[in-house]
């Protein structure tokens, strides 16, 4: 479904490959493009009740992501980010408690093949897991932006550059 979505603009949505699930060498813009197009790509894939939950979750993810990526924040925008996080958390719980239980999911063929090379040959069941660092860190974004500024205003290269300078002296 992603592959039928046309590219948009020079720096906008890029053309998707025929099978995004098997895509290799992902970079941030690929995830952003998928997030921005996901509501359209997932439309009517699920039964009506689950479809509404998935669409709302995808919208809340896109909303939170857009607010988190702002290059300048005010007290109001940080409050909006905090509200967006609360709404996102509500939708994640609803998705986990209702939609996830309705579907059996398993590894992608590439994941199963990689595991087969190391041990078992059948695709293992795979469930939605909120007990990861990525989910845990969502709550830290607002405080981190307040302490250090937006994520485009600092880099780890500064430290690397200082290490190079210190090594030459």
C-alpha atoms as a PDB file:
ATOM      1  CA  UNK A   1       0.000   0.000   0.000  1.00  0.00           C
ATOM      2  CA  UNK A   2       2.849   2.431   0.659  1.00  0.00           C
ATOM      3  CA  UNK A   3       4.252   1.845  -2.825  1.00  0.00           C
ATOM      4  CA  UNK A   4       1.151   3.342  -4.503  1.00  0.00           C
ATOM      5  CA  UNK A   5       1.521   6.616  -2.585  1.00  0.00           C
ATOM      6  CA  UNK A   6       3.135   9.131  -4.957  1.00  0.00           C
ATOM      7  CA  UNK A   7       6.178  11.149  -3.896  1.00  0.00           C
ATOM      8  CA  UNK A   8       5.477  14.735  -2.874  1.00  0.00           C
ATOM      9  CA  UNK A   9       7.815  17.710  -3.276  1.00  0.00           C
ATOM     10  CA  UNK A  10      11.588  17.820  -3.474  1.00  0.00           C
ATOM     11  CA  UNK A  11      12.197  17.402   0.263  1.00  0.00           C
ATOM     12  CA  UNK A  12       8.794  15.914   1.115  1.00  0.00           C
ATOM     13  CA  UNK A  13       7.551  12.374   0.800  1.00  0.00           C
ATOM     14  CA  UNK A  14       9.965  10.138  -1.113  1.00  0.00           C
ATOM     15  CA  UNK A  15       8.896   7.212  -3.305  1.00  0.00           C
ATOM     16  CA  UNK A  16       8.344   4.047  -1.285  1.00  0.00           C
ATOM     17  CA  UNK A  17       9.817   0.699  -2.388  1.00  0.00           C
ATOM     18  CA  UNK A  18       7.455  -2.137  -3.425  1.00  0.00           C
ATOM     19  CA  UNK A  19       7.674  -3.798   0.014  1.00  0.00           C
ATOM     20  CA  UNK A  20       8.523  -1.455   2.898  1.00  0.00           C
ATOM     21  CA  UNK A  21       8.517  -4.355   5.374  1.00  0.00           C
ATOM     22  CA  UNK A  22      11.598  -5.814   3.669  1.00  0.00           C
ATOM     23  CA  UNK A  23      13.374  -2.486   3.234  1.00  0.00           C
ATOM     24  CA  UNK A  24      16.972  -2.327   4.460  1.00  0.00           C
ATOM     25  CA  UNK A  25      19.148   0.563   5.658  1.00  0.00           C
ATOM     26  CA  UNK A  26      16.398   2.685   7.137  1.00  0.00           C
ATOM     27  CA  UNK A  27      17.126   6.311   7.973  1.00  0.00           C
ATOM     28  CA  UNK A  28      14.999   8.831   9.901  1.00  0.00           C
ATOM     29  CA  UNK A  29      13.336  10.270   6.786  1.00  0.00           C
ATOM     30  CA  UNK A  30      12.011   6.809   5.851  1.00  0.00           C
ATOM     31  CA  UNK A  31      10.271   6.524   9.228  1.00  0.00           C
ATOM     32  CA  UNK A  32       8.961  10.094   8.952  1.00  0.00           C
ATOM     33  CA  UNK A  33       7.603   9.468   5.455  1.00  0.00           C
ATOM     34  CA  UNK A  34       5.916   6.257   6.630  1.00  0.00           C
ATOM     35  CA  UNK A  35       4.402   7.985   9.658  1.00  0.00           C
ATOM     36  CA  UNK A  36       3.067  10.833   7.531  1.00  0.00           C
ATOM     37  CA  UNK A  37       1.463   8.407   5.054  1.00  0.00           C
ATOM     38  CA  UNK A  38       0.474   5.613   7.438  1.00  0.00           C
ATOM     39  CA  UNK A  39      -3.163   6.621   8.005  1.00  0.00           C
ATOM     40  CA  UNK A  40      -3.782   6.456   4.264  1.00  0.00           C
ATOM     41  CA  UNK A  41      -1.783   3.231   3.827  1.00  0.00           C
ATOM     42  CA  UNK A  42      -3.538   1.443   6.724  1.00  0.00           C
ATOM     43  CA  UNK A  43      -7.050   2.626   5.849  1.00  0.00           C
ATOM     44  CA  UNK A  44      -9.642  -0.186   5.931  1.00  0.00           C
ATOM     45  CA  UNK A  45      -7.065  -2.906   6.631  1.00  0.00           C
ATOM     46  CA  UNK A  46      -8.739  -3.764   9.924  1.00  0.00           C
ATOM     47  CA  UNK A  47     -12.311  -4.364  11.061  1.00  0.00           C
ATOM     48  CA  UNK A  48     -14.149  -1.069  11.721  1.00  0.00           C
ATOM     49  CA  UNK A  49     -13.571  -0.930  15.504  1.00  0.00           C
ATOM     50  CA  UNK A  50      -9.868  -1.749  15.209  1.00  0.00           C
ATOM     51  CA  UNK A  51      -9.485   0.508  12.160  1.00  0.00           C
ATOM     52  CA  UNK A  52     -10.652   3.495  14.213  1.00  0.00           C
ATOM     53  CA  UNK A  53      -8.205   2.658  17.018  1.00  0.00           C
ATOM     54  CA  UNK A  54      -5.288   2.246  14.583  1.00  0.00           C
ATOM     55  CA  UNK A  55      -6.075   5.503  12.733  1.00  0.00           C
ATOM     56  CA  UNK A  56      -6.353   7.453  15.982  1.00  0.00           C
ATOM     57  CA  UNK A  57      -3.088   5.965  17.257  1.00  0.00           C
ATOM     58  CA  UNK A  58      -1.301   6.852  14.015  1.00  0.00           C
ATOM     59  CA  UNK A  59      -2.694  10.394  14.178  1.00  0.00           C
ATOM     60  CA  UNK A  60      -1.544  10.810  17.797  1.00  0.00           C
ATOM     61  CA  UNK A  61       1.919   9.474  16.899  1.00  0.00           C
ATOM     62  CA  UNK A  62       2.198  11.954  14.017  1.00  0.00           C
ATOM     63  CA  UNK A  63       0.946  14.803  16.219  1.00  0.00           C
ATOM     64  CA  UNK A  64       3.439  14.030  18.995  1.00  0.00           C
ATOM     65  CA  UNK A  65       6.276  13.606  16.485  1.00  0.00           C
ATOM     66  CA  UNK A  66       5.508  16.933  14.779  1.00  0.00           C
ATOM     67  CA  UNK A  67       5.490  18.781  18.112  1.00  0.00           C
ATOM     68  CA  UNK A  68       8.662  17.047  19.340  1.00  0.00           C
ATOM     69  CA  UNK A  69      10.496  18.026  16.133  1.00  0.00           C
ATOM     70  CA  UNK A  70       9.731  21.752  16.308  1.00  0.00           C
ATOM     71  CA  UNK A  71      12.920  23.780  15.946  1.00  0.00           C
ATOM     72  CA  UNK A  72      11.783  26.361  18.473  1.00  0.00           C
ATOM     73  CA  UNK A  73       9.634  25.865  21.553  1.00  0.00           C
ATOM     74  CA  UNK A  74       7.680  28.131  23.849  1.00  0.00           C
ATOM     75  CA  UNK A  75       5.969  27.327  27.122  1.00  0.00           C
ATOM     76  CA  UNK A  76       2.757  26.828  25.141  1.00  0.00           C
ATOM     77  CA  UNK A  77       4.307  24.440  22.612  1.00  0.00           C
ATOM     78  CA  UNK A  78       5.857  22.394  25.425  1.00  0.00           C
ATOM     79  CA  UNK A  79       2.446  22.231  27.109  1.00  0.00           C
ATOM     80  CA  UNK A  80       0.971  21.024  23.784  1.00  0.00           C
ATOM     81  CA  UNK A  81       3.734  18.403  23.560  1.00  0.00           C
ATOM     82  CA  UNK A  82       2.890  17.236  27.078  1.00  0.00           C
ATOM     83  CA  UNK A  83      -0.833  17.040  26.235  1.00  0.00           C
ATOM     84  CA  UNK A  84      -0.023  15.195  22.990  1.00  0.00           C
ATOM     85  CA  UNK A  85       2.024  12.680  25.005  1.00  0.00           C
ATOM     86  CA  UNK A  86      -0.894  12.052  27.374  1.00  0.00           C
ATOM     87  CA  UNK A  87      -3.269  11.514  24.438  1.00  0.00           C
ATOM     88  CA  UNK A  88      -0.712   9.259  22.737  1.00  0.00           C
ATOM     89  CA  UNK A  89      -0.282   7.182  25.908  1.00  0.00           C
ATOM     90  CA  UNK A  90      -4.066   6.731  26.126  1.00  0.00           C
ATOM     91  CA  UNK A  91      -4.206   5.520  22.517  1.00  0.00           C
ATOM     92  CA  UNK A  92      -1.222   3.193  22.971  1.00  0.00           C
ATOM     93  CA  UNK A  93      -2.958   1.560  25.959  1.00  0.00           C
ATOM     94  CA  UNK A  94      -6.216   1.258  23.992  1.00  0.00           C
ATOM     95  CA  UNK A  95      -4.323  -0.296  21.065  1.00  0.00           C
ATOM     96  CA  UNK A  96      -2.470  -2.715  23.338  1.00  0.00           C
ATOM     97  CA  UNK A  97      -5.544  -3.764  25.337  1.00  0.00           C
ATOM     98  CA  UNK A  98      -8.046  -4.043  22.469  1.00  0.00           C
ATOM     99  CA  UNK A  99      -6.528  -4.293  19.012  1.00  0.00           C
ATOM    100  CA  UNK A 100      -3.392  -6.306  19.796  1.00  0.00           C
ATOM    101  CA  UNK A 101      -5.409  -9.050  21.464  1.00  0.00           C
ATOM    102  CA  UNK A 102      -7.563  -9.442  18.346  1.00  0.00           C
ATOM    103  CA  UNK A 103      -4.673 -10.367  16.032  1.00  0.00           C
ATOM    104  CA  UNK A 104      -1.966 -13.007  16.016  1.00  0.00           C
ATOM    105  CA  UNK A 105       1.272 -11.596  14.646  1.00  0.00           C
ATOM    106  CA  UNK A 106       4.576 -13.270  13.832  1.00  0.00           C
ATOM    107  CA  UNK A 107       8.010 -12.400  12.547  1.00  0.00           C
ATOM    108  CA  UNK A 108       8.613 -11.177   9.022  1.00  0.00           C
ATOM    109  CA  UNK A 109      10.092 -13.788   6.649  1.00  0.00           C
ATOM    110  CA  UNK A 110      13.494 -12.059   6.788  1.00  0.00           C
ATOM    111  CA  UNK A 111      13.491 -12.129  10.595  1.00  0.00           C
ATOM    112  CA  UNK A 112      12.529 -15.803  10.626  1.00  0.00           C
ATOM    113  CA  UNK A 113      15.246 -16.605   8.065  1.00  0.00           C
ATOM    114  CA  UNK A 114      17.874 -14.799  10.148  1.00  0.00           C
ATOM    115  CA  UNK A 115      16.797 -16.697  13.255  1.00  0.00           C
ATOM    116  CA  UNK A 116      16.699 -19.947  11.251  1.00  0.00           C
ATOM    117  CA  UNK A 117      20.360 -19.493  10.385  1.00  0.00           C
ATOM    118  CA  UNK A 118      21.080 -19.325  14.094  1.00  0.00           C
ATOM    119  CA  UNK A 119      18.548 -21.807  15.559  1.00  0.00           C
ATOM    120  CA  UNK A 120      14.803 -22.450  15.000  1.00  0.00           C
ATOM    121  CA  UNK A 121      13.128 -22.549  11.576  1.00  0.00           C
ATOM    122  CA  UNK A 122       9.524 -21.516  12.246  1.00  0.00           C
ATOM    123  CA  UNK A 123       8.332 -17.932  12.608  1.00  0.00           C
ATOM    124  CA  UNK A 124       7.886 -17.104  16.280  1.00  0.00           C
ATOM    125  CA  UNK A 125       4.879 -15.177  17.537  1.00  0.00           C
ATOM    126  CA  UNK A 126       5.662 -11.502  17.994  1.00  0.00           C
ATOM    127  CA  UNK A 127       3.612  -9.198  20.202  1.00  0.00           C
ATOM    128  CA  UNK A 128       3.413  -5.440  20.681  1.00  0.00           C
ATOM    129  CA  UNK A 129       5.828  -4.499  23.456  1.00  0.00           C
ATOM    130  CA  UNK A 130       5.670  -1.196  25.329  1.00  0.00           C
ATOM    131  CA  UNK A 131       8.407  -2.274  27.739  1.00  0.00           C
ATOM    132  CA  UNK A 132      11.188  -0.810  25.621  1.00  0.00           C
ATOM    133  CA  UNK A 133      13.458   2.176  26.073  1.00  0.00           C
ATOM    134  CA  UNK A 134      11.843   3.989  23.139  1.00  0.00           C
ATOM    135  CA  UNK A 135       8.462   4.026  24.887  1.00  0.00           C
ATOM    136  CA  UNK A 136      10.018   4.834  28.253  1.00  0.00           C
ATOM    137  CA  UNK A 137      11.929   7.803  26.786  1.00  0.00           C
ATOM    138  CA  UNK A 138       8.824   9.484  25.321  1.00  0.00           C
ATOM    139  CA  UNK A 139       8.099  11.044  28.699  1.00  0.00           C
ATOM    140  CA  UNK A 140      11.565  12.613  28.875  1.00  0.00           C
ATOM    141  CA  UNK A 141      11.349  14.662  25.673  1.00  0.00           C
ATOM    142  CA  UNK A 142       9.688  17.739  27.181  1.00  0.00           C
ATOM    143  CA  UNK A 143      12.116  17.938  30.110  1.00  0.00           C
ATOM    144  CA  UNK A 144      15.096  17.315  27.804  1.00  0.00           C
ATOM    145  CA  UNK A 145      13.984  20.122  25.471  1.00  0.00           C
ATOM    146  CA  UNK A 146      13.612  22.435  28.488  1.00  0.00           C
ATOM    147  CA  UNK A 147      17.118  21.558  29.699  1.00  0.00           C
ATOM    148  CA  UNK A 148      19.090  21.379  26.435  1.00  0.00           C
ATOM    149  CA  UNK A 149      16.926  22.965  23.757  1.00  0.00           C
ATOM    150  CA  UNK A 150      15.519  21.374  20.630  1.00  0.00           C
ATOM    151  CA  UNK A 151      17.216  18.303  19.216  1.00  0.00           C
ATOM    152  CA  UNK A 152      18.530  20.221  16.187  1.00  0.00           C
ATOM    153  CA  UNK A 153      20.457  22.654  18.448  1.00  0.00           C
ATOM    154  CA  UNK A 154      23.086  20.225  19.739  1.00  0.00           C
ATOM    155  CA  UNK A 155      25.121  17.305  18.472  1.00  0.00           C
ATOM    156  CA  UNK A 156      27.502  14.661  19.760  1.00  0.00           C
ATOM    157  CA  UNK A 157      30.022  15.734  17.111  1.00  0.00           C
ATOM    158  CA  UNK A 158      31.139  18.593  19.366  1.00  0.00           C
ATOM    159  CA  UNK A 159      32.470  16.109  21.913  1.00  0.00           C
ATOM    160  CA  UNK A 160      34.120  14.028  19.175  1.00  0.00           C
ATOM    161  CA  UNK A 161      35.776  17.154  17.794  1.00  0.00           C
ATOM    162  CA  UNK A 162      37.104  18.075  21.234  1.00  0.00           C
ATOM    163  CA  UNK A 163      38.564  14.590  21.637  1.00  0.00           C
ATOM    164  CA  UNK A 164      40.437  14.981  18.340  1.00  0.00           C
ATOM    165  CA  UNK A 165      41.797  18.372  19.429  1.00  0.00           C
ATOM    166  CA  UNK A 166      42.877  17.012  22.809  1.00  0.00           C
ATOM    167  CA  UNK A 167      44.670  14.050  21.206  1.00  0.00           C
ATOM    168  CA  UNK A 168      46.812  16.312  19.028  1.00  0.00           C
ATOM    169  CA  UNK A 169      48.073  18.437  21.927  1.00  0.00           C
END
